[in-house]
Each structure stands twice: as structure tokens, then as C-alpha cells.
Amino acid sequence: VSGTDNQYIYRLDSNNGDWITPDHTYTTGTL
């Protein structure tokens, strides 16, 4: 997902996960 300041990689841990609240987020510029 592209945001205004960063881009994100979201991970859902199951195929019926919640797209609005992912299980894990990786953000550009961090870690």
C-alpha cells in the first residue's frame, strides 16, 4: 500500500484475515 509519506508491506496470517487490520506491517524507512 502506498501512503503519503511511506509505502507499506502488509501481511495477513490467514486467507480469511482482516484487510483493514493486517497481522504484520513493514514500513519503508524502518528496520
PDB file of all heavy atoms in Angstrom:
ATOM      1  N   VAL A   1       0.859  -1.177   0.000  1.00  0.00           N
ATOM      2  CA  VAL A   1       0.000   0.000   0.000  1.00  0.00           C
ATOM      3  C   VAL A   1       0.897   1.228   0.000  1.00  0.00           C
ATOM      4  O   VAL A   1       1.885   1.279   0.732  1.00  0.00           O
ATOM      5  CB  VAL A   1      -0.923   0.029   1.240  1.00  0.00           C
ATOM      6  CG1 VAL A   1      -1.711   1.322   1.308  1.00  0.00           C
ATOM      7  CG2 VAL A   1      -1.850  -1.171   1.256  1.00  0.00           C
ATOM      8  N   SER A   2       0.560   2.204  -0.826  1.00  0.00           N
ATOM      9  CA  SER A   2       1.301   3.463  -0.850  1.00  0.00           C
ATOM     10  C   SER A   2       0.593   4.476   0.030  1.00  0.00           C
ATOM     11  O   SER A   2      -0.601   4.710  -0.118  1.00  0.00           O
ATOM     12  CB  SER A   2       1.374   4.013  -2.275  1.00  0.00           C
ATOM     13  OG  SER A   2       2.097   3.149  -3.088  1.00  0.00           O
ATOM     14  N   GLY A   3       1.359   5.075   0.946  1.00  0.00           N
ATOM     15  CA  GLY A   3       0.829   6.136   1.788  1.00  0.00           C
ATOM     16  C   GLY A   3       1.345   7.479   1.317  1.00  0.00           C
ATOM     17  O   GLY A   3       2.014   7.579   0.285  1.00  0.00           O
ATOM     18  N   THR A   4       1.057   8.516   2.055  1.00  0.00           N
ATOM     19  CA  THR A   4       1.515   9.840   1.655  1.00  0.00           C
ATOM     20  C   THR A   4       3.015  10.018   1.877  1.00  0.00           C
ATOM     21  O   THR A   4       3.677  10.696   1.104  1.00  0.00           O
ATOM     22  CB  THR A   4       0.755  10.932   2.430  1.00  0.00           C
ATOM     23  OG1 THR A   4       0.872  10.670   3.831  1.00  0.00           O
ATOM     24  CG2 THR A   4      -0.708  10.956   2.035  1.00  0.00           C
ATOM     25  N   ASP A   5       3.559   9.417   2.923  1.00  0.00           N
ATOM     26  CA  ASP A   5       4.978   9.551   3.227  1.00  0.00           C
ATOM     27  C   ASP A   5       5.766   8.260   3.046  1.00  0.00           C
ATOM     28  O   ASP A   5       6.967   8.292   2.829  1.00  0.00           O
ATOM     29  CB  ASP A   5       5.173  10.029   4.672  1.00  0.00           C
ATOM     30  CG  ASP A   5       4.616  11.418   4.898  1.00  0.00           C
ATOM     31  OD1 ASP A   5       4.699  12.240   3.963  1.00  0.00           O
ATOM     32  OD2 ASP A   5       4.087  11.670   5.990  1.00  0.00           O
ATOM     33  N   ASN A   6       5.129   7.123   3.177  1.00  0.00           N
ATOM     34  CA  ASN A   6       5.800   5.825   3.130  1.00  0.00           C
ATOM     35  C   ASN A   6       5.007   4.842   2.287  1.00  0.00           C
ATOM     36  O   ASN A   6       3.860   5.084   1.944  1.00  0.00           O
ATOM     37  CB  ASN A   6       5.944   5.244   4.540  1.00  0.00           C
ATOM     38  CG  ASN A   6       6.857   6.059   5.407  1.00  0.00           C
ATOM     39  OD1 ASN A   6       8.006   6.281   5.063  1.00  0.00           O
ATOM     40  ND2 ASN A   6       6.358   6.517   6.540  1.00  0.00           N
ATOM     41  N   GLN A   7       5.667   3.717   2.001  1.00  0.00           N
ATOM     42  CA  GLN A   7       4.971   2.580   1.412  1.00  0.00           C
ATOM     43  C   GLN A   7       5.029   1.450   2.425  1.00  0.00           C
ATOM     44  O   GLN A   7       5.944   1.385   3.251  1.00  0.00           O
ATOM     45  CB  GLN A   7       5.593   2.169   0.091  1.00  0.00           C
ATOM     46  CG  GLN A   7       5.335   3.175  -1.010  1.00  0.00           C
ATOM     47  CD  GLN A   7       5.786   2.648  -2.354  1.00  0.00           C
ATOM     48  OE1 GLN A   7       6.749   1.920  -2.460  1.00  0.00           O
ATOM     49  NE2 GLN A   7       5.074   3.027  -3.396  1.00  0.00           N
ATOM     50  N   TYR A   8       4.065   0.559   2.353  1.00  0.00           N
ATOM     51  CA  TYR A   8       3.929  -0.494   3.355  1.00  0.00           C
ATOM     52  C   TYR A   8       3.781  -1.854   2.696  1.00  0.00           C
ATOM     53  O   TYR A   8       3.176  -1.977   1.635  1.00  0.00           O
ATOM     54  CB  TYR A   8       2.687  -0.235   4.223  1.00  0.00           C
ATOM     55  CG  TYR A   8       2.660   1.143   4.824  1.00  0.00           C
ATOM     56  CD1 TYR A   8       2.057   2.199   4.158  1.00  0.00           C
ATOM     57  CD2 TYR A   8       3.260   1.389   6.052  1.00  0.00           C
ATOM     58  CE1 TYR A   8       2.038   3.474   4.700  1.00  0.00           C
ATOM     59  CE2 TYR A   8       3.250   2.657   6.607  1.00  0.00           C
ATOM     60  CZ  TYR A   8       2.637   3.693   5.925  1.00  0.00           C
ATOM     61  OH  TYR A   8       2.631   4.953   6.464  1.00  0.00           O
ATOM     62  N   ILE A   9       4.321  -2.872   3.365  1.00  0.00           N
ATOM     63  CA  ILE A   9       4.021  -4.256   3.027  1.00  0.00           C
ATOM     64  C   ILE A   9       3.192  -4.782   4.187  1.00  0.00           C
ATOM     65  O   ILE A   9       3.626  -4.747   5.341  1.00  0.00           O
ATOM     66  CB  ILE A   9       5.294  -5.112   2.870  1.00  0.00           C
ATOM     67  CG1 ILE A   9       6.171  -4.569   1.742  1.00  0.00           C
ATOM     68  CG2 ILE A   9       4.918  -6.571   2.620  1.00  0.00           C
ATOM     69  CD1 ILE A   9       7.525  -5.254   1.658  1.00  0.00           C
ATOM     70  N   TYR A  10       1.987  -5.229   3.896  1.00  0.00           N
ATOM     71  CA  TYR A  10       1.110  -5.796   4.907  1.00  0.00           C
ATOM     72  C   TYR A  10       1.068  -7.312   4.735  1.00  0.00           C
ATOM     73  O   TYR A  10       1.132  -7.817   3.623  1.00  0.00           O
ATOM     74  CB  TYR A  10      -0.307  -5.246   4.779  1.00  0.00           C
ATOM     75  CG  TYR A  10      -0.444  -3.785   5.115  1.00  0.00           C
ATOM     76  CD1 TYR A  10      -1.316  -2.981   4.411  1.00  0.00           C
ATOM     77  CD2 TYR A  10       0.287  -3.200   6.140  1.00  0.00           C
ATOM     78  CE1 TYR A  10      -1.466  -1.638   4.718  1.00  0.00           C
ATOM     79  CE2 TYR A  10       0.149  -1.871   6.451  1.00  0.00           C
ATOM     80  CZ  TYR A  10      -0.734  -1.090   5.743  1.00  0.00           C
ATOM     81  OH  TYR A  10      -0.876   0.233   6.049  1.00  0.00           O
ATOM     82  N   ARG A  11       0.947  -8.010   5.868  1.00  0.00           N
ATOM     83  CA  ARG A  11       0.846  -9.475   5.840  1.00  0.00           C
ATOM     84  C   ARG A  11      -0.398  -9.907   6.605  1.00  0.00           C
ATOM     85  O   ARG A  11      -0.627  -9.497   7.742  1.00  0.00           O
ATOM     86  CB  ARG A  11       2.074 -10.102   6.490  1.00  0.00           C
ATOM     87  CG  ARG A  11       2.057 -11.637   6.393  1.00  0.00           C
ATOM     88  CD  ARG A  11       3.200 -12.265   7.160  1.00  0.00           C
ATOM     89  NE  ARG A  11       2.884 -12.256   8.577  1.00  0.00           N
ATOM     90  CZ  ARG A  11       3.809 -12.141   9.545  1.00  0.00           C
ATOM     91  NH1 ARG A  11       5.077 -12.009   9.260  1.00  0.00           N
ATOM     92  NH2 ARG A  11       3.450 -12.142  10.807  1.00  0.00           N
ATOM     93  N   LEU A  12      -1.194 -10.747   5.952  1.00  0.00           N
ATOM     94  CA  LEU A  12      -2.308 -11.418   6.621  1.00  0.00           C
ATOM     95  C   LEU A  12      -1.856 -12.840   6.910  1.00  0.00           C
ATOM     96  O   LEU A  12      -1.314 -13.501   6.034  1.00  0.00           O
ATOM     97  CB  LEU A  12      -3.548 -11.442   5.727  1.00  0.00           C
ATOM     98  CG  LEU A  12      -4.117 -10.098   5.297  1.00  0.00           C
ATOM     99  CD1 LEU A  12      -5.312 -10.313   4.371  1.00  0.00           C
ATOM    100  CD2 LEU A  12      -4.526  -9.287   6.504  1.00  0.00           C
ATOM    101  N   ASP A  13      -2.072 -13.306   8.123  1.00  0.00           N
ATOM    102  CA  ASP A  13      -1.593 -14.635   8.502  1.00  0.00           C
ATOM    103  C   ASP A  13      -2.559 -15.761   8.152  1.00  0.00           C
ATOM    104  O   ASP A  13      -2.258 -16.925   8.381  1.00  0.00           O
ATOM    105  CB  ASP A  13      -1.267 -14.669   9.994  1.00  0.00           C
ATOM    106  CG  ASP A  13       0.008 -13.902  10.301  1.00  0.00           C
ATOM    107  OD1 ASP A  13       0.808 -13.659   9.370  1.00  0.00           O
ATOM    108  OD2 ASP A  13       0.215 -13.545  11.468  1.00  0.00           O
ATOM    109  N   SER A  14      -3.711 -15.426   7.602  1.00  0.00           N
ATOM    110  CA  SER A  14      -4.627 -16.462   7.138  1.00  0.00           C
ATOM    111  C   SER A  14      -5.387 -15.920   5.938  1.00  0.00           C
ATOM    112  O   SER A  14      -5.462 -14.712   5.726  1.00  0.00           O
ATOM    113  CB  SER A  14      -5.597 -16.881   8.245  1.00  0.00           C
ATOM    114  OG  SER A  14      -6.467 -15.821   8.548  1.00  0.00           O
ATOM    115  N   ASN A  15      -5.966 -16.817   5.173  1.00  0.00           N
ATOM    116  CA  ASN A  15      -6.652 -16.385   3.958  1.00  0.00           C
ATOM    117  C   ASN A  15      -8.014 -15.755   4.237  1.00  0.00           C
ATOM    118  O   ASN A  15      -8.698 -15.322   3.327  1.00  0.00           O
ATOM    119  CB  ASN A  15      -6.791 -17.535   2.964  1.00  0.00           C
ATOM    120  CG  ASN A  15      -7.518 -18.709   3.547  1.00  0.00           C
ATOM    121  OD1 ASN A  15      -8.068 -18.634   4.634  1.00  0.00           O
ATOM    122  ND2 ASN A  15      -7.517 -19.816   2.835  1.00  0.00           N
ATOM    123  N   ASN A  16      -8.412 -15.700   5.489  1.00  0.00           N
ATOM    124  CA  ASN A  16      -9.650 -15.007   5.840  1.00  0.00           C
ATOM    125  C   ASN A  16      -9.379 -13.884   6.830  1.00  0.00           C
ATOM    126  O   ASN A  16     -10.190 -13.559   7.669  1.00  0.00           O
ATOM    127  CB  ASN A  16     -10.689 -15.989   6.402  1.00  0.00           C
ATOM    128  CG  ASN A  16     -10.203 -16.703   7.644  1.00  0.00           C
ATOM    129  OD1 ASN A  16      -9.073 -16.533   8.064  1.00  0.00           O
ATOM    130  ND2 ASN A  16     -11.069 -17.502   8.237  1.00  0.00           N
ATOM    131  N   GLY A  17      -8.188 -13.267   6.713  1.00  0.00           N
ATOM    132  CA  GLY A  17      -7.789 -12.181   7.608  1.00  0.00           C
ATOM    133  C   GLY A  17      -8.505 -10.880   7.314  1.00  0.00           C
ATOM    134  O   GLY A  17      -9.235 -10.740   6.333  1.00  0.00           O
ATOM    135  N   ASP A  18      -8.270  -9.905   8.167  1.00  0.00           N
ATOM    136  CA  ASP A  18      -8.880  -8.589   8.059  1.00  0.00           C
ATOM    137  C   ASP A  18      -7.959  -7.659   7.274  1.00  0.00           C
ATOM    138  O   ASP A  18      -6.870  -7.327   7.728  1.00  0.00           O
ATOM    139  CB  ASP A  18      -9.114  -8.040   9.472  1.00  0.00           C
ATOM    140  CG  ASP A  18      -9.786  -6.689   9.465  1.00  0.00           C
ATOM    141  OD1 ASP A  18     -10.020  -6.119   8.384  1.00  0.00           O
ATOM    142  OD2 ASP A  18     -10.078  -6.198  10.570  1.00  0.00           O
ATOM    143  N   TRP A  19      -8.387  -7.223   6.098  1.00  0.00           N
ATOM    144  CA  TRP A  19      -7.562  -6.359   5.242  1.00  0.00           C
ATOM    145  C   TRP A  19      -7.308  -5.009   5.897  1.00  0.00           C
ATOM    146  O   TRP A  19      -6.299  -4.376   5.643  1.00  0.00           O
ATOM    147  CB  TRP A  19      -8.253  -6.147   3.898  1.00  0.00           C
ATOM    148  CG  TRP A  19      -8.234  -7.328   3.015  1.00  0.00           C
ATOM    149  CD1 TRP A  19      -8.951  -8.472   3.165  1.00  0.00           C
ATOM    150  CD2 TRP A  19      -7.438  -7.514   1.860  1.00  0.00           C
ATOM    151  NE1 TRP A  19      -8.662  -9.354   2.161  1.00  0.00           N
ATOM    152  CE2 TRP A  19      -7.735  -8.780   1.326  1.00  0.00           C
ATOM    153  CE3 TRP A  19      -6.504  -6.725   1.192  1.00  0.00           C
ATOM    154  CZ2 TRP A  19      -7.135  -9.278   0.192  1.00  0.00           C
ATOM    155  CZ3 TRP A  19      -5.915  -7.207   0.052  1.00  0.00           C
ATOM    156  CH2 TRP A  19      -6.226  -8.471  -0.436  1.00  0.00           C
ATOM    157  N   ILE A  20      -8.214  -4.543   6.717  1.00  0.00           N
ATOM    158  CA  ILE A  20      -8.077  -3.228   7.346  1.00  0.00           C
ATOM    159  C   ILE A  20      -7.073  -3.279   8.494  1.00  0.00           C
ATOM    160  O   ILE A  20      -6.340  -2.320   8.732  1.00  0.00           O
ATOM    161  CB  ILE A  20      -9.451  -2.729   7.829  1.00  0.00           C
ATOM    162  CG1 ILE A  20     -10.362  -2.524   6.614  1.00  0.00           C
ATOM    163  CG2 ILE A  20      -9.325  -1.440   8.630  1.00  0.00           C
ATOM    164  CD1 ILE A  20     -11.796  -2.241   6.956  1.00  0.00           C
ATOM    165  N   THR A  21      -7.008  -4.399   9.199  1.00  0.00           N
ATOM    166  CA  THR A  21      -6.077  -4.561  10.306  1.00  0.00           C
ATOM    167  C   THR A  21      -5.191  -5.781  10.030  1.00  0.00           C
ATOM    168  O   THR A  21      -5.467  -6.878  10.501  1.00  0.00           O
ATOM    169  CB  THR A  21      -6.841  -4.761  11.639  1.00  0.00           C
ATOM    170  OG1 THR A  21      -7.817  -3.738  11.772  1.00  0.00           O
ATOM    171  CG2 THR A  21      -5.884  -4.715  12.818  1.00  0.00           C
ATOM    172  N   PRO A  22      -4.099  -5.595   9.259  1.00  0.00           N
ATOM    173  CA  PRO A  22      -3.237  -6.739   8.933  1.00  0.00           C
ATOM    174  C   PRO A  22      -2.518  -7.259  10.176  1.00  0.00           C
ATOM    175  O   PRO A  22      -2.390  -6.555  11.183  1.00  0.00           O
ATOM    176  CB  PRO A  22      -2.256  -6.163   7.919  1.00  0.00           C
ATOM    177  CG  PRO A  22      -2.252  -4.702   8.177  1.00  0.00           C
ATOM    178  CD  PRO A  22      -3.609  -4.348   8.683  1.00  0.00           C
ATOM    179  N   ASP A  23      -2.044  -8.502  10.088  1.00  0.00           N
ATOM    180  CA  ASP A  23      -1.340  -9.119  11.211  1.00  0.00           C
ATOM    181  C   ASP A  23       0.063  -8.555  11.403  1.00  0.00           C
ATOM    182  O   ASP A  23       0.593  -8.563  12.512  1.00  0.00           O
ATOM    183  CB  ASP A  23      -1.267 -10.635  11.008  1.00  0.00           C
ATOM    184  CG  ASP A  23      -2.648 -11.243  10.991  1.00  0.00           C
ATOM    185  OD1 ASP A  23      -3.367 -11.097  11.994  1.00  0.00           O
ATOM    186  OD2 ASP A  23      -3.016 -11.846   9.966  1.00  0.00           O
ATOM    187  N   HIS A  24       0.675  -8.082  10.325  1.00  0.00           N
ATOM    188  CA  HIS A  24       2.022  -7.510  10.437  1.00  0.00           C
ATOM    189  C   HIS A  24       2.214  -6.446   9.358  1.00  0.00           C
ATOM    190  O   HIS A  24       1.673  -6.568   8.264  1.00  0.00           O
ATOM    191  CB  HIS A  24       3.089  -8.589  10.295  1.00  0.00           C
ATOM    192  CG  HIS A  24       4.424  -8.148  10.766  1.00  0.00           C
ATOM    193  ND1 HIS A  24       4.764  -8.087  12.091  1.00  0.00           N
ATOM    194  CD2 HIS A  24       5.496  -7.680  10.094  1.00  0.00           C
ATOM    195  CE1 HIS A  24       5.992  -7.632  12.218  1.00  0.00           C
ATOM    196  NE2 HIS A  24       6.460  -7.364  11.007  1.00  0.00           N
ATOM    197  N   THR A  25       2.999  -5.414   9.700  1.00  0.00           N
ATOM    198  CA  THR A  25       3.266  -4.319   8.767  1.00  0.00           C
ATOM    199  C   THR A  25       4.757  -4.047   8.699  1.00  0.00           C
ATOM    200  O   THR A  25       5.427  -3.961   9.730  1.00  0.00           O
ATOM    201  CB  THR A  25       2.550  -3.028   9.220  1.00  0.00           C
ATOM    202  OG1 THR A  25       1.154  -3.277   9.323  1.00  0.00           O
ATOM    203  CG2 THR A  25       2.812  -1.890   8.248  1.00  0.00           C
ATOM    204  N   TYR A  26       5.283  -3.927   7.491  1.00  0.00           N
ATOM    205  CA  TYR A  26       6.651  -3.470   7.253  1.00  0.00           C
ATOM    206  C   TYR A  26       6.542  -2.112   6.571  1.00  0.00           C
ATOM    207  O   TYR A  26       5.795  -1.956   5.610  1.00  0.00           O
ATOM    208  CB  TYR A  26       7.408  -4.439   6.347  1.00  0.00           C
ATOM    209  CG  TYR A  26       7.515  -5.836   6.903  1.00  0.00           C
ATOM    210  CD1 TYR A  26       6.762  -6.869   6.375  1.00  0.00           C
ATOM    211  CD2 TYR A  26       8.365  -6.113   7.969  1.00  0.00           C
ATOM    212  CE1 TYR A  26       6.854  -8.156   6.883  1.00  0.00           C
ATOM    213  CE2 TYR A  26       8.459  -7.392   8.487  1.00  0.00           C
ATOM    214  CZ  TYR A  26       7.700  -8.410   7.945  1.00  0.00           C
ATOM    215  OH  TYR A  26       7.794  -9.680   8.453  1.00  0.00           O
ATOM    216  N   THR A  27       7.293  -1.120   7.059  1.00  0.00           N
ATOM    217  CA  THR A  27       7.207   0.245   6.552  1.00  0.00           C
ATOM    218  C   THR A  27       8.533   0.678   5.969  1.00  0.00           C
ATOM    219  O   THR A  27       9.584   0.445   6.570  1.00  0.00           O
ATOM    220  CB  THR A  27       6.824   1.212   7.700  1.00  0.00           C
ATOM    221  OG1 THR A  27       5.634   0.741   8.326  1.00  0.00           O
ATOM    222  CG2 THR A  27       6.604   2.622   7.181  1.00  0.00           C
ATOM    223  N   THR A  28       8.492   1.332   4.794  1.00  0.00           N
ATOM    224  CA  THR A  28       9.738   1.851   4.214  1.00  0.00           C
ATOM    225  C   THR A  28      10.355   2.855   5.183  1.00  0.00           C
ATOM    226  O   THR A  28       9.662   3.565   5.906  1.00  0.00           O
ATOM    227  CB  THR A  28       9.479   2.533   2.855  1.00  0.00           C
ATOM    228  OG1 THR A  28       8.482   3.538   3.016  1.00  0.00           O
ATOM    229  CG2 THR A  28       9.068   1.541   1.797  1.00  0.00           C
ATOM    230  N   GLY A  29      11.686   2.880   5.209  1.00  0.00           N
ATOM    231  CA  GLY A  29      12.418   3.776   6.094  1.00  0.00           C
ATOM    232  C   GLY A  29      12.659   3.217   7.484  1.00  0.00           C
ATOM    233  O   GLY A  29      13.293   3.858   8.312  1.00  0.00           O
ATOM    234  N   THR A  30      12.145   2.015   7.783  1.00  0.00           N
ATOM    235  CA  THR A  30      12.328   1.416   9.106  1.00  0.00           C
ATOM    236  C   THR A  30      12.847  -0.009   8.985  1.00  0.00           C
ATOM    237  O   THR A  30      12.642  -0.682   7.983  1.00  0.00           O
ATOM    238  CB  THR A  30      11.005   1.377   9.897  1.00  0.00           C
ATOM    239  OG1 THR A  30      10.073   0.544   9.228  1.00  0.00           O
ATOM    240  CG2 THR A  30      10.419   2.772  10.065  1.00  0.00           C
ATOM    241  N   LEU A  31      13.520  -0.466  10.007  1.00  0.00           N
ATOM    242  CA  LEU A  31      14.028  -1.829  10.136  1.00  0.00           C
ATOM    243  C   LEU A  31      14.628  -2.349   8.842  1.00  0.00           C
ATOM    244  O   LEU A  31      15.533  -1.751   8.294  1.00  0.00           O
ATOM    245  CB  LEU A  31      12.935  -2.756  10.659  1.00  0.00           C
ATOM    246  CG  LEU A  31      12.398  -2.393  12.040  1.00  0.00           C
ATOM    247  CD1 LEU A  31      11.188  -3.234  12.383  1.00  0.00           C
ATOM    248  CD2 LEU A  31      13.466  -2.532  13.095  1.00  0.00           C
TER     249      LEU A  31
END
